[in-house]
Amino acid sequence: MANKFVAVFLMCIVVVAAFSLQEAKAAEEDNFKE
């Protein structure tokens, strides 16, 4: 049970990190485009 909890927690961290990187990249593209 503990292993599943750790696995789910790590997946959540990966998903949040991926979305954060996409937002940062979009902000850079907006600055360049402007």
PDB file of all heavy atoms in Angstrom:
ATOM      1  N   MET A   1       0.825  -1.191   0.000  1.00  0.00           N
ATOM      2  CA  MET A   1       0.000   0.000   0.000  1.00  0.00           C
ATOM      3  C   MET A   1       0.869   1.255   0.000  1.00  0.00           C
ATOM      4  O   MET A   1       0.574   2.216  -0.695  1.00  0.00           O
ATOM      5  CB  MET A   1      -0.917  -0.051   1.235  1.00  0.00           C
ATOM      6  CG  MET A   1      -1.804   1.132   1.377  1.00  0.00           C
ATOM      7  SD  MET A   1      -3.086   1.079   0.128  1.00  0.00           S
ATOM      8  CE  MET A   1      -4.014   2.486   0.564  1.00  0.00           C
ATOM      9  N   ALA A   2       1.928   1.229   0.784  1.00  0.00           N
ATOM     10  CA  ALA A   2       2.808   2.396   0.864  1.00  0.00           C
ATOM     11  C   ALA A   2       3.515   2.634  -0.472  1.00  0.00           C
ATOM     12  O   ALA A   2       3.731   3.784  -0.858  1.00  0.00           O
ATOM     13  CB  ALA A   2       3.829   2.208   1.983  1.00  0.00           C
ATOM     14  N   ASN A   3       3.863   1.563  -1.164  1.00  0.00           N
ATOM     15  CA  ASN A   3       4.532   1.707  -2.460  1.00  0.00           C
ATOM     16  C   ASN A   3       3.627   2.381  -3.482  1.00  0.00           C
ATOM     17  O   ASN A   3       4.082   3.207  -4.281  1.00  0.00           O
ATOM     18  CB  ASN A   3       4.966   0.342  -3.000  1.00  0.00           C
ATOM     19  CG  ASN A   3       6.137  -0.228  -2.211  1.00  0.00           C
ATOM     20  OD1 ASN A   3       6.847   0.506  -1.530  1.00  0.00           O
ATOM     21  ND2 ASN A   3       6.326  -1.531  -2.303  1.00  0.00           N
ATOM     22  N   LYS A   4       2.345   2.045  -3.463  1.00  0.00           N
ATOM     23  CA  LYS A   4       1.389   2.668  -4.389  1.00  0.00           C
ATOM     24  C   LYS A   4       1.247   4.156  -4.080  1.00  0.00           C
ATOM     25  O   LYS A   4       1.148   4.988  -4.981  1.00  0.00           O
ATOM     26  CB  LYS A   4       0.029   1.986  -4.295  1.00  0.00           C
ATOM     27  CG  LYS A   4       0.012   0.596  -4.884  1.00  0.00           C
ATOM     28  CD  LYS A   4      -1.369  -0.007  -4.800  1.00  0.00           C
ATOM     29  CE  LYS A   4      -1.352  -1.425  -5.354  1.00  0.00           C
ATOM     30  NZ  LYS A   4      -2.666  -2.045  -5.251  1.00  0.00           N
ATOM     31  N   PHE A   5       1.208   4.493  -2.799  1.00  0.00           N
ATOM     32  CA  PHE A   5       1.086   5.893  -2.394  1.00  0.00           C
ATOM     33  C   PHE A   5       2.295   6.695  -2.872  1.00  0.00           C
ATOM     34  O   PHE A   5       2.146   7.793  -3.408  1.00  0.00           O
ATOM     35  CB  PHE A   5       0.957   5.990  -0.864  1.00  0.00           C
ATOM     36  CG  PHE A   5       0.873   7.399  -0.366  1.00  0.00           C
ATOM     37  CD1 PHE A   5      -0.286   8.138  -0.539  1.00  0.00           C
ATOM     38  CD2 PHE A   5       1.956   7.999   0.255  1.00  0.00           C
ATOM     39  CE1 PHE A   5      -0.372   9.436  -0.094  1.00  0.00           C
ATOM     40  CE2 PHE A   5       1.892   9.299   0.698  1.00  0.00           C
ATOM     41  CZ  PHE A   5       0.715  10.026   0.529  1.00  0.00           C
ATOM     42  N   VAL A   6       3.470   6.149  -2.704  1.00  0.00           N
ATOM     43  CA  VAL A   6       4.695   6.819  -3.148  1.00  0.00           C
ATOM     44  C   VAL A   6       4.690   6.971  -4.665  1.00  0.00           C
ATOM     45  O   VAL A   6       5.049   8.028  -5.197  1.00  0.00           O
ATOM     46  CB  VAL A   6       5.949   6.043  -2.673  1.00  0.00           C
ATOM     47  CG1 VAL A   6       7.203   6.594  -3.323  1.00  0.00           C
ATOM     48  CG2 VAL A   6       6.065   6.094  -1.157  1.00  0.00           C
ATOM     49  N   ALA A   7       4.264   5.949  -5.375  1.00  0.00           N
ATOM     50  CA  ALA A   7       4.225   6.005  -6.836  1.00  0.00           C
ATOM     51  C   ALA A   7       3.252   7.083  -7.313  1.00  0.00           C
ATOM     52  O   ALA A   7       3.566   7.859  -8.225  1.00  0.00           O
ATOM     53  CB  ALA A   7       3.841   4.650  -7.412  1.00  0.00           C
ATOM     54  N   VAL A   8       2.089   7.159  -6.726  1.00  0.00           N
ATOM     55  CA  VAL A   8       1.100   8.175  -7.093  1.00  0.00           C
ATOM     56  C   VAL A   8       1.634   9.569  -6.762  1.00  0.00           C
ATOM     57  O   VAL A   8       1.486  10.505  -7.556  1.00  0.00           O
ATOM     58  CB  VAL A   8      -0.247   7.915  -6.384  1.00  0.00           C
ATOM     59  CG1 VAL A   8      -1.202   9.083  -6.556  1.00  0.00           C
ATOM     60  CG2 VAL A   8      -0.881   6.635  -6.913  1.00  0.00           C
ATOM     61  N   PHE A   9       2.259   9.724  -5.627  1.00  0.00           N
ATOM     62  CA  PHE A   9       2.829  11.003  -5.223  1.00  0.00           C
ATOM     63  C   PHE A   9       3.896  11.463  -6.221  1.00  0.00           C
ATOM     64  O   PHE A   9       3.917  12.624  -6.640  1.00  0.00           O
ATOM     65  CB  PHE A   9       3.415  10.893  -3.813  1.00  0.00           C
ATOM     66  CG  PHE A   9       3.998  12.164  -3.302  1.00  0.00           C
ATOM     67  CD1 PHE A   9       3.177  13.226  -2.940  1.00  0.00           C
ATOM     68  CD2 PHE A   9       5.370  12.316  -3.171  1.00  0.00           C
ATOM     69  CE1 PHE A   9       3.707  14.412  -2.467  1.00  0.00           C
ATOM     70  CE2 PHE A   9       5.919  13.496  -2.702  1.00  0.00           C
ATOM     71  CZ  PHE A   9       5.083  14.543  -2.352  1.00  0.00           C
ATOM     72  N   LEU A  10       4.765  10.567  -6.611  1.00  0.00           N
ATOM     73  CA  LEU A  10       5.811  10.908  -7.575  1.00  0.00           C
ATOM     74  C   LEU A  10       5.222  11.277  -8.937  1.00  0.00           C
ATOM     75  O   LEU A  10       5.698  12.199  -9.598  1.00  0.00           O
ATOM     76  CB  LEU A  10       6.810   9.764  -7.716  1.00  0.00           C
ATOM     77  CG  LEU A  10       7.707   9.516  -6.502  1.00  0.00           C
ATOM     78  CD1 LEU A  10       8.565   8.281  -6.722  1.00  0.00           C
ATOM     79  CD2 LEU A  10       8.568  10.725  -6.208  1.00  0.00           C
ATOM     80  N   MET A  11       4.200  10.583  -9.367  1.00  0.00           N
ATOM     81  CA  MET A  11       3.549  10.915 -10.638  1.00  0.00           C
ATOM     82  C   MET A  11       2.924  12.303 -10.577  1.00  0.00           C
ATOM     83  O   MET A  11       2.980  13.062 -11.552  1.00  0.00           O
ATOM     84  CB  MET A  11       2.482   9.869 -10.983  1.00  0.00           C
ATOM     85  CG  MET A  11       3.063   8.546 -11.406  1.00  0.00           C
ATOM     86  SD  MET A  11       4.122   8.671 -12.860  1.00  0.00           S
ATOM     87  CE  MET A  11       2.949   9.151 -14.093  1.00  0.00           C
ATOM     88  N   CYS A  12       2.333  12.643  -9.449  1.00  0.00           N
ATOM     89  CA  CYS A  12       1.756  13.985  -9.292  1.00  0.00           C
ATOM     90  C   CYS A  12       2.842  15.053  -9.400  1.00  0.00           C
ATOM     91  O   CYS A  12       2.629  16.097 -10.033  1.00  0.00           O
ATOM     92  CB  CYS A  12       1.026  14.103  -7.960  1.00  0.00           C
ATOM     93  SG  CYS A  12      -0.488  13.135  -7.896  1.00  0.00           S
ATOM     94  N   ILE A  13       3.976  14.804  -8.803  1.00  0.00           N
ATOM     95  CA  ILE A  13       5.083  15.753  -8.865  1.00  0.00           C
ATOM     96  C   ILE A  13       5.543  15.933 -10.313  1.00  0.00           C
ATOM     97  O   ILE A  13       5.784  17.053 -10.768  1.00  0.00           O
ATOM     98  CB  ILE A  13       6.252  15.300  -7.970  1.00  0.00           C
ATOM     99  CG1 ILE A  13       5.857  15.439  -6.500  1.00  0.00           C
ATOM    100  CG2 ILE A  13       7.510  16.108  -8.260  1.00  0.00           C
ATOM    101  CD1 ILE A  13       6.874  14.888  -5.533  1.00  0.00           C
ATOM    102  N   VAL A  14       5.641  14.850 -11.053  1.00  0.00           N
ATOM    103  CA  VAL A  14       6.069  14.914 -12.458  1.00  0.00           C
ATOM    104  C   VAL A  14       5.068  15.718 -13.285  1.00  0.00           C
ATOM    105  O   VAL A  14       5.449  16.558 -14.103  1.00  0.00           O
ATOM    106  CB  VAL A  14       6.255  13.495 -13.034  1.00  0.00           C
ATOM    107  CG1 VAL A  14       6.430  13.525 -14.537  1.00  0.00           C
ATOM    108  CG2 VAL A  14       7.436  12.812 -12.365  1.00  0.00           C
ATOM    109  N   VAL A  15       3.781  15.481 -13.079  1.00  0.00           N
ATOM    110  CA  VAL A  15       2.744  16.203 -13.835  1.00  0.00           C
ATOM    111  C   VAL A  15       2.788  17.697 -13.521  1.00  0.00           C
ATOM    112  O   VAL A  15       2.727  18.529 -14.426  1.00  0.00           O
ATOM    113  CB  VAL A  15       1.350  15.601 -13.545  1.00  0.00           C
ATOM    114  CG1 VAL A  15       0.247  16.477 -14.102  1.00  0.00           C
ATOM    115  CG2 VAL A  15       1.251  14.193 -14.114  1.00  0.00           C
ATOM    116  N   VAL A  16       2.906  18.057 -12.269  1.00  0.00           N
ATOM    117  CA  VAL A  16       2.969  19.469 -11.884  1.00  0.00           C
ATOM    118  C   VAL A  16       4.210  20.132 -12.476  1.00  0.00           C
ATOM    119  O   VAL A  16       4.146  21.250 -12.992  1.00  0.00           O
ATOM    120  CB  VAL A  16       2.943  19.617 -10.341  1.00  0.00           C
ATOM    121  CG1 VAL A  16       3.279  21.032  -9.917  1.00  0.00           C
ATOM    122  CG2 VAL A  16       1.585  19.202  -9.805  1.00  0.00           C
ATOM    123  N   ALA A  17       5.328  19.453 -12.448  1.00  0.00           N
ATOM    124  CA  ALA A  17       6.562  19.998 -13.021  1.00  0.00           C
ATOM    125  C   ALA A  17       6.415  20.201 -14.525  1.00  0.00           C
ATOM    126  O   ALA A  17       6.860  21.211 -15.069  1.00  0.00           O
ATOM    127  CB  ALA A  17       7.735  19.078 -12.717  1.00  0.00           C
ATOM    128  N   ALA A  18       5.779  19.272 -15.200  1.00  0.00           N
ATOM    129  CA  ALA A  18       5.595  19.384 -16.656  1.00  0.00           C
ATOM    130  C   ALA A  18       4.734  20.590 -17.001  1.00  0.00           C
ATOM    131  O   ALA A  18       5.040  21.339 -17.935  1.00  0.00           O
ATOM    132  CB  ALA A  18       4.972  18.108 -17.200  1.00  0.00           C
ATOM    133  N   PHE A  19       3.664  20.809 -16.265  1.00  0.00           N
ATOM    134  CA  PHE A  19       2.813  21.962 -16.534  1.00  0.00           C
ATOM    135  C   PHE A  19       3.528  23.266 -16.216  1.00  0.00           C
ATOM    136  O   PHE A  19       3.340  24.271 -16.912  1.00  0.00           O
ATOM    137  CB  PHE A  19       1.497  21.872 -15.751  1.00  0.00           C
ATOM    138  CG  PHE A  19       0.501  20.941 -16.368  1.00  0.00           C
ATOM    139  CD1 PHE A  19       0.081  19.818 -15.703  1.00  0.00           C
ATOM    140  CD2 PHE A  19      -0.013  21.188 -17.640  1.00  0.00           C
ATOM    141  CE1 PHE A  19      -0.837  18.950 -16.272  1.00  0.00           C
ATOM    142  CE2 PHE A  19      -0.931  20.330 -18.221  1.00  0.00           C
ATOM    143  CZ  PHE A  19      -1.345  19.207 -17.534  1.00  0.00           C
ATOM    144  N   SER A  20       4.345  23.288 -15.199  1.00  0.00           N
ATOM    145  CA  SER A  20       5.097  24.497 -14.854  1.00  0.00           C
ATOM    146  C   SER A  20       6.078  24.861 -15.962  1.00  0.00           C
ATOM    147  O   SER A  20       6.238  26.029 -16.300  1.00  0.00           O
ATOM    148  CB  SER A  20       5.854  24.303 -13.542  1.00  0.00           C
ATOM    149  OG  SER A  20       4.958  24.104 -12.488  1.00  0.00           O
ATOM    150  N   LEU A  21       6.732  23.873 -16.533  1.00  0.00           N
ATOM    151  CA  LEU A  21       7.678  24.122 -17.620  1.00  0.00           C
ATOM    152  C   LEU A  21       6.960  24.645 -18.856  1.00  0.00           C
ATOM    153  O   LEU A  21       7.474  25.525 -19.547  1.00  0.00           O
ATOM    154  CB  LEU A  21       8.447  22.856 -17.956  1.00  0.00           C
ATOM    155  CG  LEU A  21       9.451  22.392 -16.911  1.00  0.00           C
ATOM    156  CD1 LEU A  21      10.052  21.047 -17.322  1.00  0.00           C
ATOM    157  CD2 LEU A  21      10.549  23.417 -16.731  1.00  0.00           C
ATOM    158  N   GLN A  22       5.769  24.130 -19.152  1.00  0.00           N
ATOM    159  CA  GLN A  22       5.020  24.589 -20.309  1.00  0.00           C
ATOM    160  C   GLN A  22       4.605  26.043 -20.147  1.00  0.00           C
ATOM    161  O   GLN A  22       4.641  26.822 -21.090  1.00  0.00           O
ATOM    162  CB  GLN A  22       3.787  23.719 -20.528  1.00  0.00           C
ATOM    163  CG  GLN A  22       4.122  22.346 -21.079  1.00  0.00           C
ATOM    164  CD  GLN A  22       2.898  21.484 -21.262  1.00  0.00           C
ATOM    165  OE1 GLN A  22       1.817  21.823 -20.813  1.00  0.00           O
ATOM    166  NE2 GLN A  22       3.079  20.351 -21.917  1.00  0.00           N
ATOM    167  N   GLU A  23       4.191  26.446 -18.945  1.00  0.00           N
ATOM    168  CA  GLU A  23       3.801  27.827 -18.698  1.00  0.00           C
ATOM    169  C   GLU A  23       4.990  28.756 -18.837  1.00  0.00           C
ATOM    170  O   GLU A  23       4.880  29.846 -19.393  1.00  0.00           O
ATOM    171  CB  GLU A  23       3.175  27.963 -17.312  1.00  0.00           C
ATOM    172  CG  GLU A  23       1.814  27.325 -17.199  1.00  0.00           C
ATOM    173  CD  GLU A  23       1.252  27.394 -15.796  1.00  0.00           C
ATOM    174  OE1 GLU A  23       1.813  28.120 -14.954  1.00  0.00           O
ATOM    175  OE2 GLU A  23       0.244  26.717 -15.548  1.00  0.00           O
ATOM    176  N   ALA A  24       6.144  28.358 -18.354  1.00  0.00           N
ATOM    177  CA  ALA A  24       7.342  29.181 -18.473  1.00  0.00           C
ATOM    178  C   ALA A  24       7.744  29.334 -19.927  1.00  0.00           C
ATOM    179  O   ALA A  24       8.125  30.417 -20.370  1.00  0.00           O
ATOM    180  CB  ALA A  24       8.487  28.566 -17.661  1.00  0.00           C
ATOM    181  N   LYS A  25       7.649  28.264 -20.685  1.00  0.00           N
ATOM    182  CA  LYS A  25       7.994  28.305 -22.111  1.00  0.00           C
ATOM    183  C   LYS A  25       7.033  29.220 -22.863  1.00  0.00           C
ATOM    184  O   LYS A  25       7.446  29.984 -23.734  1.00  0.00           O
ATOM    185  CB  LYS A  25       7.960  26.890 -22.687  1.00  0.00           C
ATOM    186  CG  LYS A  25       8.310  26.790 -24.131  1.00  0.00           C
ATOM    187  CD  LYS A  25       9.772  27.056 -24.365  1.00  0.00           C
ATOM    188  CE  LYS A  25      10.131  26.785 -25.802  1.00  0.00           C
ATOM    189  NZ  LYS A  25      11.444  27.256 -26.124  1.00  0.00           N
ATOM    190  N   ALA A  26       5.753  29.161 -22.538  1.00  0.00           N
ATOM    191  CA  ALA A  26       4.764  30.019 -23.195  1.00  0.00           C
ATOM    192  C   ALA A  26       5.041  31.489 -22.904  1.00  0.00           C
ATOM    193  O   ALA A  26       4.902  32.340 -23.782  1.00  0.00           O
ATOM    194  CB  ALA A  26       3.355  29.645 -22.741  1.00  0.00           C
ATOM    195  N   ALA A  27       5.450  31.804 -21.684  1.00  0.00           N
ATOM    196  CA  ALA A  27       5.762  33.191 -21.340  1.00  0.00           C
ATOM    197  C   ALA A  27       6.967  33.687 -22.132  1.00  0.00           C
ATOM    198  O   ALA A  27       6.987  34.828 -22.599  1.00  0.00           O
ATOM    199  CB  ALA A  27       6.022  33.315 -19.846  1.00  0.00           C
ATOM    200  N   GLU A  28       7.976  32.831 -22.314  1.00  0.00           N
ATOM    201  CA  GLU A  28       9.144  33.221 -23.103  1.00  0.00           C
ATOM    202  C   GLU A  28       8.762  33.465 -24.554  1.00  0.00           C
ATOM    203  O   GLU A  28       9.237  34.410 -25.174  1.00  0.00           O
ATOM    204  CB  GLU A  28      10.205  32.121 -23.044  1.00  0.00           C
ATOM    205  CG  GLU A  28      10.909  32.009 -21.737  1.00  0.00           C
ATOM    206  CD  GLU A  28      11.900  30.863 -21.710  1.00  0.00           C
ATOM    207  OE1 GLU A  28      12.203  30.305 -22.777  1.00  0.00           O
ATOM    208  OE2 GLU A  28      12.361  30.529 -20.616  1.00  0.00           O
ATOM    209  N   GLU A  29       7.904  32.611 -25.101  1.00  0.00           N
ATOM    210  CA  GLU A  29       7.480  32.766 -26.487  1.00  0.00           C
ATOM    211  C   GLU A  29       6.698  34.053 -26.680  1.00  0.00           C
ATOM    212  O   GLU A  29       6.833  34.708 -27.710  1.00  0.00           O
ATOM    213  CB  GLU A  29       6.657  31.556 -26.924  1.00  0.00           C
ATOM    214  CG  GLU A  29       7.475  30.295 -27.077  1.00  0.00           C
ATOM    215  CD  GLU A  29       6.644  29.065 -27.386  1.00  0.00           C
ATOM    216  OE1 GLU A  29       5.406  29.178 -27.475  1.00  0.00           O
ATOM    217  OE2 GLU A  29       7.235  27.995 -27.527  1.00  0.00           O
ATOM    218  N   ASP A  30       5.874  34.429 -25.691  1.00  0.00           N
ATOM    219  CA  ASP A  30       5.113  35.673 -25.784  1.00  0.00           C
ATOM    220  C   ASP A  30       6.045  36.872 -25.823  1.00  0.00           C
ATOM    221  O   ASP A  30       5.826  37.804 -26.598  1.00  0.00           O
ATOM    222  CB  ASP A  30       4.136  35.803 -24.615  1.00  0.00           C
ATOM    223  CG  ASP A  30       2.973  34.826 -24.719  1.00  0.00           C
ATOM    224  OD1 ASP A  30       2.734  34.295 -25.821  1.00  0.00           O
ATOM    225  OD2 ASP A  30       2.307  34.602 -23.689  1.00  0.00           O
ATOM    226  N   ASN A  31       7.089  36.862 -24.993  1.00  0.00           N
ATOM    227  CA  ASN A  31       8.046  37.967 -24.981  1.00  0.00           C
ATOM    228  C   ASN A  31       8.776  38.065 -26.309  1.00  0.00           C
ATOM    229  O   ASN A  31       8.961  39.155 -26.852  1.00  0.00           O
ATOM    230  CB  ASN A  31       9.057  37.793 -23.848  1.00  0.00           C
ATOM    231  CG  ASN A  31       8.437  38.001 -22.492  1.00  0.00           C
ATOM    232  OD1 ASN A  31       7.393  38.621 -22.360  1.00  0.00           O
ATOM    233  ND2 ASN A  31       9.070  37.462 -21.472  1.00  0.00           N
ATOM    234  N   PHE A  32       9.200  36.935 -26.836  1.00  0.00           N
ATOM    235  CA  PHE A  32       9.899  36.927 -28.124  1.00  0.00           C
ATOM    236  C   PHE A  32       8.978  37.405 -29.232  1.00  0.00           C
ATOM    237  O   PHE A  32       9.369  38.218 -30.067  1.00  0.00           O
ATOM    238  CB  PHE A  32      10.416  35.520 -28.444  1.00  0.00           C
ATOM    239  CG  PHE A  32      11.131  35.450 -29.765  1.00  0.00           C
ATOM    240  CD1 PHE A  32      12.462  35.805 -29.859  1.00  0.00           C
ATOM    241  CD2 PHE A  32      10.464  35.054 -30.913  1.00  0.00           C
ATOM    242  CE1 PHE A  32      13.122  35.767 -31.077  1.00  0.00           C
ATOM    243  CE2 PHE A  32      11.110  35.005 -32.128  1.00  0.00           C
ATOM    244  CZ  PHE A  32      12.448  35.367 -32.214  1.00  0.00           C
ATOM    245  N   LYS A  33       7.751  36.928 -29.234  1.00  0.00           N
ATOM    246  CA  LYS A  33       6.798  37.300 -30.282  1.00  0.00           C
ATOM    247  C   LYS A  33       6.509  38.795 -30.263  1.00  0.00           C
ATOM    248  O   LYS A  33       6.458  39.435 -31.316  1.00  0.00           O
ATOM    249  CB  LYS A  33       5.506  36.503 -30.095  1.00  0.00           C
ATOM    250  CG  LYS A  33       4.506  36.673 -31.205  1.00  0.00           C
ATOM    251  CD  LYS A  33       3.317  35.764 -31.004  1.00  0.00           C
ATOM    252  CE  LYS A  33       2.326  35.884 -32.133  1.00  0.00           C
ATOM    253  NZ  LYS A  33       1.178  34.993 -31.954  1.00  0.00           N
ATOM    254  N   GLU A  34       6.341  39.347 -29.070  1.00  0.00           N
ATOM    255  CA  GLU A  34       6.087  40.786 -28.949  1.00  0.00           C
ATOM    256  C   GLU A  34       7.283  41.587 -29.450  1.00  0.00           C
ATOM    257  O   GLU A  34       7.127  42.547 -30.211  1.00  0.00           O
ATOM    258  CB  GLU A  34       5.789  41.135 -27.493  1.00  0.00           C
ATOM    259  CG  GLU A  34       5.445  42.586 -27.274  1.00  0.00           C
ATOM    260  CD  GLU A  34       5.123  42.894 -25.821  1.00  0.00           C
ATOM    261  OE1 GLU A  34       4.731  41.972 -25.083  1.00  0.00           O
ATOM    262  OE2 GLU A  34       5.275  44.061 -25.436  1.00  0.00           O
TER     263      GLU A  34
END
